[in-house]
PDB file of N, CA and C in Angstrom:
ATOM      1  N   UNK A   1      -1.756 -11.316  -6.627  1.00  0.00           N
ATOM      2  CA  UNK A   1      -2.076 -10.011  -6.043  1.00  0.00           C
ATOM      3  C   UNK A   1      -2.490  -9.026  -7.145  1.00  0.00           C
ATOM      4  N   UNK A   2      -3.510  -8.241  -6.856  1.00  0.00           N
ATOM      5  CA  UNK A   2      -3.987  -7.274  -7.840  1.00  0.00           C
ATOM      6  C   UNK A   2      -2.983  -6.135  -8.000  1.00  0.00           C
ATOM      7  N   UNK A   3      -2.874  -5.630  -9.231  1.00  0.00           N
ATOM      8  CA  UNK A   3      -2.059  -4.442  -9.472  1.00  0.00           C
ATOM      9  C   UNK A   3      -2.791  -3.262  -8.858  1.00  0.00           C
ATOM     10  N   UNK A   4      -2.041  -2.250  -8.491  1.00  0.00           N
ATOM     11  CA  UNK A   4      -2.613  -1.089  -7.799  1.00  0.00           C
ATOM     12  C   UNK A   4      -2.702   0.115  -8.745  1.00  0.00           C
ATOM     13  N   UNK A   5      -3.890   0.723  -8.804  1.00  0.00           N
ATOM     14  CA  UNK A   5      -4.131   1.894  -9.645  1.00  0.00           C
ATOM     15  C   UNK A   5      -4.547   3.059  -8.747  1.00  0.00           C
ATOM     16  N   UNK A   6      -3.880   4.197  -8.916  1.00  0.00           N
ATOM     17  CA  UNK A   6      -4.278   5.418  -8.219  1.00  0.00           C
ATOM     18  C   UNK A   6      -5.122   6.234  -9.187  1.00  0.00           C
ATOM     19  N   UNK A   7      -6.333   6.592  -8.768  1.00  0.00           N
ATOM     20  CA  UNK A   7      -7.219   7.413  -9.591  1.00  0.00           C
ATOM     21  C   UNK A   7      -7.372   8.768  -8.906  1.00  0.00           C
ATOM     22  N   UNK A   8      -6.927   9.829  -9.581  1.00  0.00           N
ATOM     23  CA  UNK A   8      -7.050  11.192  -9.054  1.00  0.00           C
ATOM     24  C   UNK A   8      -8.095  11.926  -9.897  1.00  0.00           C
ATOM     25  N   UNK A   9      -9.208  12.271  -9.261  1.00  0.00           N
ATOM     26  CA  UNK A   9     -10.348  12.883  -9.969  1.00  0.00           C
ATOM     27  C   UNK A   9     -11.158  13.685  -8.961  1.00  0.00           C
ATOM     28  N   UNK A  10     -11.403  14.968  -9.258  1.00  0.00           N
ATOM     29  CA  UNK A  10     -12.122  15.819  -8.302  1.00  0.00           C
ATOM     30  C   UNK A  10     -13.639  15.692  -8.391  1.00  0.00           C
ATOM     31  N   UNK A  11     -14.156  15.196  -9.501  1.00  0.00           N
ATOM     32  CA  UNK A  11     -15.604  14.996  -9.635  1.00  0.00           C
ATOM     33  C   UNK A  11     -15.944  13.656  -8.980  1.00  0.00           C
ATOM     34  N   UNK A  12     -16.621  13.718  -7.840  1.00  0.00           N
ATOM     35  CA  UNK A  12     -16.862  12.504  -7.051  1.00  0.00           C
ATOM     36  C   UNK A  12     -17.702  11.468  -7.790  1.00  0.00           C
ATOM     37  N   UNK A  13     -18.630  11.918  -8.624  1.00  0.00           N
ATOM     38  CA  UNK A  13     -19.446  10.973  -9.399  1.00  0.00           C
ATOM     39  C   UNK A  13     -18.563  10.222 -10.396  1.00  0.00           C
ATOM     40  N   UNK A  14     -17.680  10.940 -11.071  1.00  0.00           N
ATOM     41  CA  UNK A  14     -16.769  10.310 -12.035  1.00  0.00           C
ATOM     42  C   UNK A  14     -15.804   9.387 -11.291  1.00  0.00           C
ATOM     43  N   UNK A  15     -15.321   9.839 -10.147  1.00  0.00           N
ATOM     44  CA  UNK A  15     -14.400   9.025  -9.342  1.00  0.00           C
ATOM     45  C   UNK A  15     -15.051   7.699  -8.951  1.00  0.00           C
ATOM     46  N   UNK A  16     -16.303   7.773  -8.547  1.00  0.00           N
ATOM     47  CA  UNK A  16     -17.030   6.568  -8.151  1.00  0.00           C
ATOM     48  C   UNK A  16     -17.201   5.608  -9.335  1.00  0.00           C
ATOM     49  N   UNK A  17     -17.525   6.153 -10.510  1.00  0.00           N
ATOM     50  CA  UNK A  17     -17.684   5.330 -11.707  1.00  0.00           C
ATOM     51  C   UNK A  17     -16.354   4.656 -12.055  1.00  0.00           C
ATOM     52  N   UNK A  18     -15.269   5.417 -12.002  1.00  0.00           N
ATOM     53  CA  UNK A  18     -13.949   4.850 -12.304  1.00  0.00           C
ATOM     54  C   UNK A  18     -13.592   3.746 -11.319  1.00  0.00           C
ATOM     55  N   UNK A  19     -13.897   3.988 -10.055  1.00  0.00           N
ATOM     56  CA  UNK A  19     -13.617   2.986  -9.028  1.00  0.00           C
ATOM     57  C   UNK A  19     -14.404   1.695  -9.311  1.00  0.00           C
ATOM     58  N   UNK A  20     -15.682   1.841  -9.671  1.00  0.00           N
ATOM     59  CA  UNK A  20     -16.505   0.677 -10.007  1.00  0.00           C
ATOM     60  C   UNK A  20     -15.979  -0.038 -11.248  1.00  0.00           C
ATOM     61  N   UNK A  21     -15.552   0.737 -12.253  1.00  0.00           N
ATOM     62  CA  UNK A  21     -15.024   0.153 -13.490  1.00  0.00           C
ATOM     63  C   UNK A  21     -13.778  -0.691 -13.226  1.00  0.00           C
ATOM     64  N   UNK A  22     -12.954  -0.232 -12.308  1.00  0.00           N
ATOM     65  CA  UNK A  22     -11.626  -0.823 -12.139  1.00  0.00           C
ATOM     66  C   UNK A  22     -11.481  -1.785 -10.968  1.00  0.00           C
ATOM     67  N   UNK A  23     -12.366  -1.704  -9.993  1.00  0.00           N
ATOM     68  CA  UNK A  23     -12.134  -2.430  -8.736  1.00  0.00           C
ATOM     69  C   UNK A  23     -12.192  -3.952  -8.845  1.00  0.00           C
ATOM     70  N   UNK A  24     -12.848  -4.486  -9.874  1.00  0.00           N
ATOM     71  CA  UNK A  24     -12.842  -5.944  -9.994  1.00  0.00           C
ATOM     72  C   UNK A  24     -11.525  -6.458 -10.601  1.00  0.00           C
ATOM     73  N   UNK A  25     -10.769  -5.567 -11.238  1.00  0.00           N
ATOM     74  CA  UNK A  25      -9.503  -5.949 -11.872  1.00  0.00           C
ATOM     75  C   UNK A  25      -8.283  -5.487 -11.073  1.00  0.00           C
ATOM     76  N   UNK A  26      -8.410  -4.325 -10.418  1.00  0.00           N
ATOM     77  CA  UNK A  26      -7.277  -3.713  -9.727  1.00  0.00           C
ATOM     78  C   UNK A  26      -7.635  -3.315  -8.299  1.00  0.00           C
ATOM     79  N   UNK A  27      -6.595  -3.111  -7.501  1.00  0.00           N
ATOM     80  CA  UNK A  27      -6.783  -2.464  -6.206  1.00  0.00           C
ATOM     81  C   UNK A  27      -6.783  -0.968  -6.516  1.00  0.00           C
ATOM     82  N   UNK A  28      -7.852  -0.264  -6.164  1.00  0.00           N
ATOM     83  CA  UNK A  28      -7.992   1.141  -6.538  1.00  0.00           C
ATOM     84  C   UNK A  28      -7.782   2.045  -5.317  1.00  0.00           C
ATOM     85  N   UNK A  29      -6.869   3.006  -5.479  1.00  0.00           N
ATOM     86  CA  UNK A  29      -6.622   4.035  -4.469  1.00  0.00           C
ATOM     87  C   UNK A  29      -7.173   5.321  -5.089  1.00  0.00           C
ATOM     88  N   UNK A  30      -7.860   6.153  -4.300  1.00  0.00           N
ATOM     89  CA  UNK A  30      -8.438   7.372  -4.873  1.00  0.00           C
ATOM     90  C   UNK A  30      -7.882   8.633  -4.220  1.00  0.00           C
ATOM     91  N   UNK A  31      -7.917   9.713  -4.998  1.00  0.00           N
ATOM     92  CA  UNK A  31      -7.532  11.039  -4.524  1.00  0.00           C
ATOM     93  C   UNK A  31      -8.454  12.039  -5.209  1.00  0.00           C
ATOM     94  N   UNK A  32      -8.819  13.114  -4.506  1.00  0.00           N
ATOM     95  CA  UNK A  32      -9.756  14.074  -5.084  1.00  0.00           C
ATOM     96  C   UNK A  32      -9.099  15.391  -5.495  1.00  0.00           C
ATOM     97  N   UNK A  33      -7.786  15.494  -5.336  1.00  0.00           N
ATOM     98  CA  UNK A  33      -7.056  16.647  -5.864  1.00  0.00           C
ATOM     99  C   UNK A  33      -5.589  16.269  -6.028  1.00  0.00           C
ATOM    100  N   UNK A  34      -4.836  17.160  -6.624  1.00  0.00           N
ATOM    101  CA  UNK A  34      -3.438  16.879  -6.915  1.00  0.00           C
ATOM    102  C   UNK A  34      -2.585  16.637  -5.680  1.00  0.00           C
ATOM    103  N   UNK A  35      -2.859  17.389  -4.623  1.00  0.00           N
ATOM    104  CA  UNK A  35      -2.079  17.221  -3.384  1.00  0.00           C
ATOM    105  C   UNK A  35      -2.289  15.820  -2.807  1.00  0.00           C
ATOM    106  N   UNK A  36      -3.558  15.388  -2.758  1.00  0.00           N
ATOM    107  CA  UNK A  36      -3.865  14.025  -2.288  1.00  0.00           C
ATOM    108  C   UNK A  36      -3.223  12.978  -3.199  1.00  0.00           C
ATOM    109  N   UNK A  37      -3.206  13.253  -4.496  1.00  0.00           N
ATOM    110  CA  UNK A  37      -2.628  12.305  -5.463  1.00  0.00           C
ATOM    111  C   UNK A  37      -1.134  12.112  -5.197  1.00  0.00           C
ATOM    112  N   UNK A  38      -0.425  13.207  -4.938  1.00  0.00           N
ATOM    113  CA  UNK A  38       1.018  13.123  -4.656  1.00  0.00           C
ATOM    114  C   UNK A  38       1.238  12.294  -3.390  1.00  0.00           C
ATOM    115  N   UNK A  39       0.481  12.616  -2.344  1.00  0.00           N
ATOM    116  CA  UNK A  39       0.594  11.890  -1.073  1.00  0.00           C
ATOM    117  C   UNK A  39       0.298  10.399  -1.258  1.00  0.00           C
ATOM    118  N   UNK A  40      -0.811  10.115  -1.934  1.00  0.00           N
ATOM    119  CA  UNK A  40      -1.226   8.727  -2.141  1.00  0.00           C
ATOM    120  C   UNK A  40      -0.198   7.974  -2.984  1.00  0.00           C
ATOM    121  N   UNK A  41       0.391   8.649  -3.950  1.00  0.00           N
ATOM    122  CA  UNK A  41       1.385   7.982  -4.799  1.00  0.00           C
ATOM    123  C   UNK A  41       2.544   7.471  -3.941  1.00  0.00           C
ATOM    124  N   UNK A  42       3.054   8.327  -3.092  1.00  0.00           N
ATOM    125  CA  UNK A  42       4.227   7.923  -2.303  1.00  0.00           C
ATOM    126  C   UNK A  42       3.869   7.030  -1.118  1.00  0.00           C
ATOM    127  N   UNK A  43       2.629   7.075  -0.663  1.00  0.00           N
ATOM    128  CA  UNK A  43       2.198   6.179   0.417  1.00  0.00           C
ATOM    129  C   UNK A  43       1.896   4.771  -0.090  1.00  0.00           C
ATOM    130  N   UNK A  44       1.302   4.678  -1.289  1.00  0.00           N
ATOM    131  CA  UNK A  44       0.811   3.385  -1.779  1.00  0.00           C
ATOM    132  C   UNK A  44       1.614   2.794  -2.931  1.00  0.00           C
ATOM    133  N   UNK A  45       2.481   3.571  -3.553  1.00  0.00           N
ATOM    134  CA  UNK A  45       3.308   3.101  -4.676  1.00  0.00           C
ATOM    135  C   UNK A  45       2.481   2.328  -5.721  1.00  0.00           C
ATOM    136  N   UNK A  46       1.500   2.996  -6.342  1.00  0.00           N
ATOM    137  CA  UNK A  46       0.667   2.297  -7.328  1.00  0.00           C
ATOM    138  C   UNK A  46       1.472   1.912  -8.571  1.00  0.00           C
ATOM    139  N   UNK A  47       0.967   0.925  -9.312  1.00  0.00           N
ATOM    140  CA  UNK A  47       1.613   0.498 -10.549  1.00  0.00           C
ATOM    141  C   UNK A  47       1.389   1.505 -11.670  1.00  0.00           C
ATOM    142  N   UNK A  48       0.262   2.230 -11.577  1.00  0.00           N
ATOM    143  CA  UNK A  48      -0.078   3.214 -12.612  1.00  0.00           C
ATOM    144  C   UNK A  48      -1.020   4.249 -12.001  1.00  0.00           C
ATOM    145  N   UNK A  49      -1.018   5.454 -12.573  1.00  0.00           N
ATOM    146  CA  UNK A  49      -1.858   6.551 -12.082  1.00  0.00           C
ATOM    147  C   UNK A  49      -2.766   7.030 -13.215  1.00  0.00           C
ATOM    148  N   UNK A  50      -4.042   7.223 -12.893  1.00  0.00           N
ATOM    149  CA  UNK A  50      -4.979   7.879 -13.807  1.00  0.00           C
ATOM    150  C   UNK A  50      -5.217   9.259 -13.209  1.00  0.00           C
ATOM    151  N   UNK A  51      -4.753  10.301 -13.885  1.00  0.00           N
ATOM    152  CA  UNK A  51      -4.737  11.645 -13.322  1.00  0.00           C
ATOM    153  C   UNK A  51      -5.639  12.578 -14.110  1.00  0.00           C
ATOM    154  N   UNK A  52      -6.659  13.114 -13.440  1.00  0.00           N
ATOM    155  CA  UNK A  52      -7.466  14.158 -14.049  1.00  0.00           C
ATOM    156  C   UNK A  52      -6.557  15.384 -14.189  1.00  0.00           C
ATOM    157  N   UNK A  53      -6.764  16.190 -15.207  1.00  0.00           N
ATOM    158  CA  UNK A  53      -5.885  17.344 -15.405  1.00  0.00           C
ATOM    159  C   UNK A  53      -6.345  18.536 -14.571  1.00  0.00           C
ATOM    160  N   UNK A  54      -7.637  18.851 -14.658  1.00  0.00           N
ATOM    161  CA  UNK A  54      -8.133  20.050 -13.982  1.00  0.00           C
ATOM    162  C   UNK A  54      -8.743  19.658 -12.642  1.00  0.00           C
ATOM    163  N   UNK A  55      -8.010  20.010 -11.565  1.00  0.00           N
ATOM    164  CA  UNK A  55      -8.467  19.727 -10.202  1.00  0.00           C
ATOM    165  C   UNK A  55      -8.161  20.929  -9.327  1.00  0.00           C
ATOM    166  N   UNK A  56      -8.922  21.097  -8.242  1.00  0.00           N
ATOM    167  CA  UNK A  56      -8.659  22.215  -7.340  1.00  0.00           C
ATOM    168  C   UNK A  56      -7.383  21.971  -6.537  1.00  0.00           C
ATOM    169  N   UNK A  57      -6.888  23.044  -5.921  1.00  0.00           N
ATOM    170  CA  UNK A  57      -5.737  22.943  -5.022  1.00  0.00           C
ATOM    171  C   UNK A  57      -4.456  22.780  -5.830  1.00  0.00           C
ATOM    172  N   UNK A  58      -4.159  21.558  -6.253  1.00  0.00           N
ATOM    173  CA  UNK A  58      -2.986  21.280  -7.088  1.00  0.00           C
ATOM    174  C   UNK A  58      -3.510  20.585  -8.337  1.00  0.00           C
ATOM    175  N   UNK A  59      -3.184  21.129  -9.509  1.00  0.00           N
ATOM    176  CA  UNK A  59      -3.691  20.540 -10.761  1.00  0.00           C
ATOM    177  C   UNK A  59      -3.017  19.207 -11.052  1.00  0.00           C
ATOM    178  N   UNK A  60      -3.614  18.471 -11.967  1.00  0.00           N
ATOM    179  CA  UNK A  60      -3.018  17.216 -12.410  1.00  0.00           C
ATOM    180  C   UNK A  60      -1.658  17.435 -13.056  1.00  0.00           C
ATOM    181  N   UNK A  61      -1.501  18.580 -13.701  1.00  0.00           N
ATOM    182  CA  UNK A  61      -0.221  18.917 -14.340  1.00  0.00           C
ATOM    183  C   UNK A  61       0.862  19.066 -13.277  1.00  0.00           C
ATOM    184  N   UNK A  62       0.558  19.844 -12.228  1.00  0.00           N
ATOM    185  CA  UNK A  62       1.526  20.049 -11.139  1.00  0.00           C
ATOM    186  C   UNK A  62       1.816  18.738 -10.406  1.00  0.00           C
ATOM    187  N   UNK A  63       0.763  17.966 -10.147  1.00  0.00           N
ATOM    188  CA  UNK A  63       0.937  16.695  -9.433  1.00  0.00           C
ATOM    189  C   UNK A  63       1.801  15.737 -10.252  1.00  0.00           C
ATOM    190  N   UNK A  64       1.584  15.709 -11.559  1.00  0.00           N
ATOM    191  CA  UNK A  64       2.382  14.844 -12.443  1.00  0.00           C
ATOM    192  C   UNK A  64       3.856  15.226 -12.384  1.00  0.00           C
ATOM    193  N   UNK A  65       4.130  16.536 -12.485  1.00  0.00           N
ATOM    194  CA  UNK A  65       5.519  17.015 -12.418  1.00  0.00           C
ATOM    195  C   UNK A  65       6.166  16.611 -11.093  1.00  0.00           C
ATOM    196  N   UNK A  66       5.423  16.802 -10.006  1.00  0.00           N
ATOM    197  CA  UNK A  66       5.937  16.513  -8.667  1.00  0.00           C
ATOM    198  C   UNK A  66       6.253  15.024  -8.485  1.00  0.00           C
ATOM    199  N   UNK A  67       5.326  14.181  -8.920  1.00  0.00           N
ATOM    200  CA  UNK A  67       5.530  12.732  -8.797  1.00  0.00           C
ATOM    201  C   UNK A  67       6.735  12.297  -9.636  1.00  0.00           C
ATOM    202  N   UNK A  68       6.809  12.776 -10.878  1.00  0.00           N
ATOM    203  CA  UNK A  68       7.895  12.356 -11.766  1.00  0.00           C
ATOM    204  C   UNK A  68       9.253  12.908 -11.349  1.00  0.00           C
ATOM    205  N   UNK A  69       9.240  14.042 -10.645  1.00  0.00           N
ATOM    206  CA  UNK A  69      10.503  14.601 -10.155  1.00  0.00           C
ATOM    207  C   UNK A  69      11.134  13.633  -9.145  1.00  0.00           C
ATOM    208  N   UNK A  70      10.285  13.033  -8.294  1.00  0.00           N
ATOM    209  CA  UNK A  70      10.766  12.122  -7.263  1.00  0.00           C
ATOM    210  C   UNK A  70      10.837  10.675  -7.731  1.00  0.00           C
ATOM    211  N   UNK A  71      10.001  10.318  -8.719  1.00  0.00           N
ATOM    212  CA  UNK A  71       9.998   8.956  -9.245  1.00  0.00           C
ATOM    213  C   UNK A  71       9.860   9.014 -10.767  1.00  0.00           C
ATOM    214  N   UNK A  72      10.995   9.121 -11.465  1.00  0.00           N
ATOM    215  CA  UNK A  72      10.956   9.249 -12.925  1.00  0.00           C
ATOM    216  C   UNK A  72      10.340   8.044 -13.636  1.00  0.00           C
ATOM    217  N   UNK A  73      10.189   6.930 -12.934  1.00  0.00           N
ATOM    218  CA  UNK A  73       9.589   5.737 -13.552  1.00  0.00           C
ATOM    219  C   UNK A  73       8.082   5.637 -13.367  1.00  0.00           C
ATOM    220  N   UNK A  74       7.479   6.612 -12.723  1.00  0.00           N
ATOM    221  CA  UNK A  74       6.027   6.590 -12.506  1.00  0.00           C
ATOM    222  C   UNK A  74       5.307   6.556 -13.853  1.00  0.00           C
ATOM    223  N   UNK A  75       4.240   5.754 -13.915  1.00  0.00           N
ATOM    224  CA  UNK A  75       3.429   5.662 -15.130  1.00  0.00           C
ATOM    225  C   UNK A  75       2.144   6.443 -14.880  1.00  0.00           C
ATOM    226  N   UNK A  76       2.001   7.556 -15.574  1.00  0.00           N
ATOM    227  CA  UNK A  76       0.841   8.432 -15.365  1.00  0.00           C
ATOM    228  C   UNK A  76       0.102   8.613 -16.683  1.00  0.00           C
ATOM    229  N   UNK A  77      -1.189   8.273 -16.660  1.00  0.00           N
ATOM    230  CA  UNK A  77      -2.064   8.504 -17.803  1.00  0.00           C
ATOM    231  C   UNK A  77      -3.024   9.612 -17.414  1.00  0.00           C
ATOM    232  N   UNK A  78      -3.239  10.564 -18.309  1.00  0.00           N
ATOM    233  CA  UNK A  78      -4.130  11.683 -18.014  1.00  0.00           C
ATOM    234  C   UNK A  78      -5.544  11.373 -18.476  1.00  0.00           C
ATOM    235  N   UNK A  79      -6.503  11.764 -17.655  1.00  0.00           N
ATOM    236  CA  UNK A  79      -7.922  11.642 -18.013  1.00  0.00           C
ATOM    237  C   UNK A  79      -8.469  13.055 -18.147  1.00  0.00           C
ATOM    238  N   UNK A  80      -9.134  13.351 -19.245  1.00  0.00           N
ATOM    239  CA  UNK A  80      -9.677  14.694 -19.381  1.00  0.00           C
ATOM    240  C   UNK A  80     -10.776  14.772 -20.423  1.00  0.00           C
ATOM    241  N   UNK A  81     -11.617  15.750 -20.232  1.00  0.00           N
ATOM    242  CA  UNK A  81     -12.604  16.080 -21.260  1.00  0.00           C
ATOM    243  C   UNK A  81     -12.072  17.282 -22.051  1.00  0.00           C
ATOM    244  N   UNK A  82     -10.887  17.777 -21.663  1.00  0.00           N
ATOM    245  CA  UNK A  82     -10.324  18.991 -22.262  1.00  0.00           C
ATOM    246  C   UNK A  82      -8.991  18.726 -22.947  1.00  0.00           C
ATOM    247  N   UNK A  83      -8.903  17.641 -23.697  1.00  0.00           N
ATOM    248  CA  UNK A  83      -7.633  17.238 -24.317  1.00  0.00           C
ATOM    249  C   UNK A  83      -7.048  18.344 -25.195  1.00  0.00           C
ATOM    250  N   UNK A  84      -7.890  19.034 -25.929  1.00  0.00           N
ATOM    251  CA  UNK A  84      -7.374  20.069 -26.828  1.00  0.00           C
ATOM    252  C   UNK A  84      -6.720  21.206 -26.059  1.00  0.00           C
ATOM    253  N   UNK A  85      -7.298  21.570 -24.915  1.00  0.00           N
ATOM    254  CA  UNK A  85      -6.788  22.721 -24.176  1.00  0.00           C
ATOM    255  C   UNK A  85      -5.594  22.390 -23.287  1.00  0.00           C
ATOM    256  N   UNK A  86      -5.670  21.262 -22.608  1.00  0.00           N
ATOM    257  CA  UNK A  86      -4.667  20.959 -21.587  1.00  0.00           C
ATOM    258  C   UNK A  86      -3.800  19.747 -21.901  1.00  0.00           C
ATOM    259  N   UNK A  87      -4.146  18.997 -22.937  1.00  0.00           N
ATOM    260  CA  UNK A  87      -3.434  17.764 -23.242  1.00  0.00           C
ATOM    261  C   UNK A  87      -1.950  17.961 -23.472  1.00  0.00           C
ATOM    262  N   UNK A  88      -1.601  18.998 -24.242  1.00  0.00           N
ATOM    263  CA  UNK A  88      -0.198  19.254 -24.568  1.00  0.00           C
ATOM    264  C   UNK A  88       0.600  19.532 -23.283  1.00  0.00           C
ATOM    265  N   UNK A  89       0.026  20.359 -22.414  1.00  0.00           N
ATOM    266  CA  UNK A  89       0.688  20.688 -21.141  1.00  0.00           C
ATOM    267  C   UNK A  89       0.915  19.433 -20.296  1.00  0.00           C
ATOM    268  N   UNK A  90      -0.065  18.569 -20.302  1.00  0.00           N
ATOM    269  CA  UNK A  90       0.020  17.350 -19.505  1.00  0.00           C
ATOM    270  C   UNK A  90       1.100  16.412 -20.049  1.00  0.00           C
ATOM    271  N   UNK A  91       1.186  16.302 -21.365  1.00  0.00           N
ATOM    272  CA  UNK A  91       2.222  15.472 -21.977  1.00  0.00           C
ATOM    273  C   UNK A  91       3.605  16.062 -21.702  1.00  0.00           C
ATOM    274  N   UNK A  92       3.696  17.388 -21.755  1.00  0.00           N
ATOM    275  CA  UNK A  92       4.966  18.055 -21.443  1.00  0.00           C
ATOM    276  C   UNK A  92       5.358  17.826 -19.984  1.00  0.00           C
ATOM    277  N   UNK A  93       4.359  17.691 -19.116  1.00  0.00           N
ATOM    278  CA  UNK A  93       4.630  17.439 -17.690  1.00  0.00           C
ATOM    279  C   UNK A  93       5.126  16.011 -17.473  1.00  0.00           C
ATOM    280  N   UNK A  94       4.885  15.134 -18.463  1.00  0.00           N
ATOM    281  CA  UNK A  94       5.402  13.777 -18.356  1.00  0.00           C
ATOM    282  C   UNK A  94       4.378  12.661 -18.427  1.00  0.00           C
ATOM    283  N   UNK A  95       3.111  13.010 -18.630  1.00  0.00           N
ATOM    284  CA  UNK A  95       2.095  11.956 -18.770  1.00  0.00           C
ATOM    285  C   UNK A  95       2.402  11.133 -20.015  1.00  0.00           C
ATOM    286  N   UNK A  96       2.140   9.837 -19.953  1.00  0.00           N
ATOM    287  CA  UNK A  96       2.429   8.940 -21.074  1.00  0.00           C
ATOM    288  C   UNK A  96       1.415   9.087 -22.202  1.00  0.00           C
ATOM    289  N   UNK A  97       0.175   9.404 -21.824  1.00  0.00           N
ATOM    290  CA  UNK A  97      -0.890   9.480 -22.823  1.00  0.00           C
ATOM    291  C   UNK A  97      -2.074  10.234 -22.240  1.00  0.00           C
ATOM    292  N   UNK A  98      -2.871  10.810 -23.136  1.00  0.00           N
ATOM    293  CA  UNK A  98      -4.104  11.488 -22.735  1.00  0.00           C
ATOM    294  C   UNK A  98      -5.260  10.563 -23.112  1.00  0.00           C
ATOM    295  N   UNK A  99      -6.095  10.242 -22.143  1.00  0.00           N
ATOM    296  CA  UNK A  99      -7.296   9.443 -22.409  1.00  0.00           C
ATOM    297  C   UNK A  99      -8.475  10.401 -22.293  1.00  0.00           C
ATOM    298  N   UNK A 100      -9.159  10.585 -23.409  1.00  0.00           N
ATOM    299  CA  UNK A 100     -10.230  11.567 -23.428  1.00  0.00           C
ATOM    300  C   UNK A 100     -11.548  10.984 -22.939  1.00  0.00           C
ATOM    301  N   UNK A 101     -12.202  11.714 -22.033  1.00  0.00           N
ATOM    302  CA  UNK A 101     -13.521  11.323 -21.549  1.00  0.00           C
ATOM    303  C   UNK A 101     -14.518  11.669 -22.642  1.00  0.00           C
ATOM    304  N   UNK A 102     -15.563  10.908 -22.852  1.00  0.00           N
ATOM    305  CA  UNK A 102     -15.890   9.651 -22.188  1.00  0.00           C
ATOM    306  C   UNK A 102     -15.161   8.473 -22.840  1.00  0.00           C
ATOM    307  N   UNK A 103     -15.016   7.394 -22.091  1.00  0.00           N
ATOM    308  CA  UNK A 103     -14.399   6.175 -22.593  1.00  0.00           C
ATOM    309  C   UNK A 103     -15.136   5.003 -21.968  1.00  0.00           C
ATOM    310  N   UNK A 104     -14.950   3.820 -22.533  1.00  0.00           N
ATOM    311  CA  UNK A 104     -15.615   2.636 -21.982  1.00  0.00           C
ATOM    312  C   UNK A 104     -14.677   1.938 -20.997  1.00  0.00           C
ATOM    313  N   UNK A 105     -15.237   1.073 -20.199  1.00  0.00           N
ATOM    314  CA  UNK A 105     -14.446   0.268 -19.255  1.00  0.00           C
ATOM    315  C   UNK A 105     -13.402  -0.534 -20.020  1.00  0.00           C
ATOM    316  N   UNK A 106     -13.826  -1.149 -21.129  1.00  0.00           N
ATOM    317  CA  UNK A 106     -12.921  -1.977 -21.936  1.00  0.00           C
ATOM    318  C   UNK A 106     -11.751  -1.143 -22.461  1.00  0.00           C
ATOM    319  N   UNK A 107     -12.040   0.057 -22.986  1.00  0.00           N
ATOM    320  CA  UNK A 107     -10.982   0.926 -23.505  1.00  0.00           C
ATOM    321  C   UNK A 107      -9.995   1.301 -22.394  1.00  0.00           C
ATOM    322  N   UNK A 108     -10.527   1.636 -21.240  1.00  0.00           N
ATOM    323  CA  UNK A 108      -9.682   2.060 -20.129  1.00  0.00           C
ATOM    324  C   UNK A 108      -8.777   0.921 -19.652  1.00  0.00           C
ATOM    325  N   UNK A 109      -9.337  -0.250 -19.465  1.00  0.00           N
ATOM    326  CA  UNK A 109      -8.545  -1.392 -18.997  1.00  0.00           C
ATOM    327  C   UNK A 109      -7.500  -1.784 -20.044  1.00  0.00           C
ATOM    328  N   UNK A 110      -7.853  -1.722 -21.324  1.00  0.00           N
ATOM    329  CA  UNK A 110      -6.873  -2.023 -22.384  1.00  0.00           C
ATOM    330  C   UNK A 110      -5.699  -1.054 -22.334  1.00  0.00           C
ATOM    331  N   UNK A 111      -5.989   0.238 -22.116  1.00  0.00           N
ATOM    332  CA  UNK A 111      -4.923   1.259 -22.021  1.00  0.00           C
ATOM    333  C   UNK A 111      -4.034   0.961 -20.821  1.00  0.00           C
ATOM    334  N   UNK A 112      -4.649   0.736 -19.674  1.00  0.00           N
ATOM    335  CA  UNK A 112      -3.880   0.463 -18.444  1.00  0.00           C
ATOM    336  C   UNK A 112      -2.982  -0.756 -18.658  1.00  0.00           C
ATOM    337  N   UNK A 113      -3.554  -1.827 -19.181  1.00  0.00           N
ATOM    338  CA  UNK A 113      -2.795  -3.060 -19.402  1.00  0.00           C
ATOM    339  C   UNK A 113      -1.626  -2.854 -20.362  1.00  0.00           C
ATOM    340  N   UNK A 114      -1.848  -2.049 -21.398  1.00  0.00           N
ATOM    341  CA  UNK A 114      -0.769  -1.836 -22.368  1.00  0.00           C
ATOM    342  C   UNK A 114       0.429  -1.158 -21.707  1.00  0.00           C
ATOM    343  N   UNK A 115       0.188  -0.282 -20.727  1.00  0.00           N
ATOM    344  CA  UNK A 115       1.302   0.377 -20.036  1.00  0.00           C
ATOM    345  C   UNK A 115       1.889  -0.477 -18.921  1.00  0.00           C
ATOM    346  N   UNK A 116       1.078  -1.317 -18.306  1.00  0.00           N
ATOM    347  CA  UNK A 116       1.604  -2.182 -17.248  1.00  0.00           C
ATOM    348  C   UNK A 116       2.542  -3.248 -17.816  1.00  0.00           C
ATOM    349  N   UNK A 117       2.362  -3.582 -19.084  1.00  0.00           N
ATOM    350  CA  UNK A 117       3.220  -4.588 -19.724  1.00  0.00           C
ATOM    351  C   UNK A 117       4.588  -4.027 -20.103  1.00  0.00           C
ATOM    352  N   UNK A 118       4.691  -2.706 -20.180  1.00  0.00           N
ATOM    353  CA  UNK A 118       5.952  -2.075 -20.640  1.00  0.00           C
ATOM    354  C   UNK A 118       6.981  -2.059 -19.539  1.00  0.00           C
TER     355      UNK A 118
END
């Protein structure tokens, strides 16, 4: 059975690219804002979450805090083009690592795999 990855990203073009990058290796669940990400996390129980930081409605920072409050074992990796500005906040919220955009499919899958093994 494929491992399940939740991808939370408000830019639909980026979300589609991530889904294409990951769907041959993982079962991909998507969310377009933090509120959807929280809901999807508890509905689908993914093995790992790729969370954009800056999203409308509920930010990735808030969604990360909310998920970890209810499930301290959740594995959340942050995706951002704004690592310098928001990375520290995201790590403080409980994200395991910041993955800075742009990245390659190989880099992303290697990161995901390294956390799934832990």
